[in-house]
Amino acid sequence: MLKTICYISDSNINNSTNELKELLRVAKINNSKNQITGVLIHKSSNFLQVLEGDQKHVDALFRRISLDDRHQNIFKLLETTIDERYFEGYKFGFTVINTRNALKNLEDYLNWLRDAENLIANEIVAMVKNFITR
């Protein structure tokens, strides 16, 4: 069974590009091993992340994130089962959105995803768009 979790958290990372790159590097390796897809956005000392994949892998990853001292004040925005992955086609995978180009690529993908007219996908799109525009 597939599951998605979308959460926000305060970041304890000092906005260092190197620290974010290392977080992304490790996340890509671990998420690839467990076939977890999604997106990670770091903005203004906050994270928004969408995780999707096999229920046991997503739950295990969220437990690890909850214990990770790089996050505090974690708040789940969405937790539900899904019939299909929404970010499997997102060619940038887990990436930190910290440039205009990366933001444009994400917005283009979100617009495409919204056009699928799936209620859960539209809910995720709204949360992500709200996060990146605030």
Protein backbone atom coordinates (compact mmCIF):
# COMPACT_ATOMS: atom_id res chain seq x y z
CA MET A 1 0.00 0.00 0.00
CA LEU A 2 1.32 3.45 -0.95
CA LYS A 3 1.26 6.30 1.51
CA THR A 4 2.12 9.98 1.50
CA ILE A 5 3.06 12.29 4.34
CA CYS A 6 3.52 16.02 3.93
CA TYR A 7 4.99 17.95 6.85
CA ILE A 8 6.59 21.25 7.75
CA SER A 9 9.26 21.84 10.36
CA ASP A 10 11.59 24.49 11.64
CA SER A 11 15.14 23.93 10.45
CA ASN A 12 18.07 23.75 12.83
CA ILE A 13 20.45 23.97 9.88
CA ASN A 14 22.29 27.27 9.77
CA ASN A 15 21.34 27.80 6.10
CA SER A 16 24.80 26.60 5.10
CA THR A 17 24.80 25.45 1.50
CA ASN A 18 27.22 22.65 2.39
CA GLU A 19 25.00 21.38 5.20
CA LEU A 20 21.94 21.39 2.93
CA LYS A 21 23.88 19.63 0.16
CA GLU A 22 24.98 16.92 2.60
CA LEU A 23 21.42 16.47 3.86
CA LEU A 24 20.22 16.14 0.28
CA ARG A 25 23.00 13.69 -0.65
CA VAL A 26 22.17 11.35 2.23
CA ALA A 27 18.41 11.69 1.65
CA LYS A 28 18.78 10.75 -2.03
CA ILE A 29 20.77 7.63 -1.17
CA ASN A 30 18.40 6.45 1.56
CA ASN A 31 15.22 7.34 -0.29
CA SER A 32 16.40 5.63 -3.44
CA LYS A 33 17.14 2.44 -1.49
CA ASN A 34 13.63 2.47 -0.04
CA GLN A 35 11.93 3.66 -3.25
CA ILE A 36 10.65 6.82 -1.57
CA THR A 37 9.81 9.72 -3.87
CA GLY A 38 8.77 13.27 -3.08
CA VAL A 39 10.18 16.73 -2.72
CA LEU A 40 12.09 18.60 -0.02
CA ILE A 41 11.93 22.37 0.15
CA HIS A 42 14.06 24.51 2.46
CA LYS A 43 13.01 28.13 2.74
CA SER A 44 13.51 30.79 5.40
CA SER A 45 14.71 28.31 8.03
CA ASN A 46 11.80 25.95 7.40
CA PHE A 47 11.38 22.63 5.65
CA LEU A 48 8.40 21.35 3.75
CA GLN A 49 8.67 17.76 2.64
CA VAL A 50 6.41 15.40 0.76
CA LEU A 51 7.25 11.72 1.21
CA GLU A 52 5.58 8.96 -0.77
CA GLY A 53 6.16 5.26 -1.05
CA ASP A 54 5.47 1.96 0.63
CA GLN A 55 3.64 2.59 3.90
CA LYS A 56 6.22 0.89 6.15
CA HIS A 57 9.13 2.77 4.54
CA VAL A 58 7.37 6.15 4.73
CA ASP A 59 6.39 5.59 8.37
CA ALA A 60 9.93 4.49 9.27
CA LEU A 61 11.45 7.52 7.53
CA PHE A 62 9.04 9.92 9.22
CA ARG A 63 9.96 8.42 12.62
CA ARG A 64 13.66 9.02 11.85
CA ILE A 65 12.95 12.58 10.74
CA SER A 66 10.98 13.18 13.95
CA LEU A 67 14.09 12.22 15.95
CA ASP A 68 16.51 14.17 13.74
CA ASP A 69 17.89 17.22 15.56
CA ARG A 70 17.97 19.18 12.28
CA HIS A 71 14.17 19.45 12.61
CA GLN A 72 12.04 20.91 15.37
CA ASN A 73 8.36 21.75 15.67
CA ILE A 74 7.39 19.14 13.09
CA PHE A 75 3.78 19.41 12.00
CA LYS A 76 2.09 16.87 9.71
CA LEU A 77 -0.08 18.59 7.13
CA LEU A 78 -1.24 15.43 5.39
CA GLU A 79 -1.02 11.70 5.99
CA THR A 80 -3.01 9.37 3.76
CA THR A 81 -2.86 6.33 1.54
CA ILE A 82 -2.57 6.99 -2.18
CA ASP A 83 -3.27 4.99 -5.31
CA GLU A 84 -0.31 6.38 -7.21
CA ARG A 85 2.84 8.41 -6.64
CA TYR A 86 2.60 12.10 -7.46
CA PHE A 87 6.30 12.95 -7.47
CA GLU A 88 7.62 9.87 -9.24
CA GLY A 89 7.77 11.89 -12.46
CA TYR A 90 9.45 14.88 -10.81
CA LYS A 91 12.82 14.60 -12.51
CA PHE A 92 14.62 16.56 -9.81
CA GLY A 93 13.62 14.09 -7.09
CA PHE A 94 14.58 15.18 -3.63
CA THR A 95 16.13 18.56 -4.10
CA VAL A 96 16.54 21.73 -2.14
CA ILE A 97 14.66 24.52 -3.84
CA ASN A 98 17.03 27.43 -3.36
CA THR A 99 17.44 28.98 -6.81
CA ARG A 100 15.08 30.68 -9.24
CA ASN A 101 15.58 27.87 -11.75
CA ALA A 102 14.81 25.15 -9.18
CA LEU A 103 11.70 27.08 -8.09
CA LYS A 104 10.52 27.43 -11.69
CA ASN A 105 11.03 23.71 -12.31
CA LEU A 106 9.00 22.88 -9.21
CA GLU A 107 6.23 25.33 -10.13
CA ASP A 108 6.04 23.88 -13.65
CA TYR A 109 5.73 20.39 -12.18
CA LEU A 110 3.08 21.49 -9.69
CA ASN A 111 1.05 23.08 -12.48
CA TRP A 112 1.24 19.84 -14.45
CA LEU A 113 0.27 17.85 -11.36
CA ARG A 114 -2.69 20.13 -10.61
CA ASP A 115 -4.01 19.53 -14.12
CA ALA A 116 -4.38 15.83 -13.26
CA GLU A 117 -7.46 16.85 -11.25
CA ASN A 118 -6.77 14.43 -8.39
CA LEU A 119 -8.09 15.66 -5.02
CA ILE A 120 -5.08 14.53 -2.96
CA ALA A 121 -2.62 15.80 -5.58
CA ASN A 122 -4.40 19.15 -5.60
CA GLU A 123 -4.23 19.32 -1.80
CA ILE A 124 -0.48 18.67 -1.92
CA VAL A 125 -0.02 21.23 -4.70
CA ALA A 126 -1.88 23.86 -2.64
CA MET A 127 0.28 23.20 0.44
CA VAL A 128 3.53 23.34 -1.52
CA LYS A 129 2.52 26.48 -3.42
CA ASN A 130 1.47 28.18 -0.19
CA PHE A 131 4.81 27.30 1.37
CA ILE A 132 6.95 28.59 -1.50
CA THR A 133 5.00 31.83 -1.93
CA ARG A 134 4.78 32.93 1.69
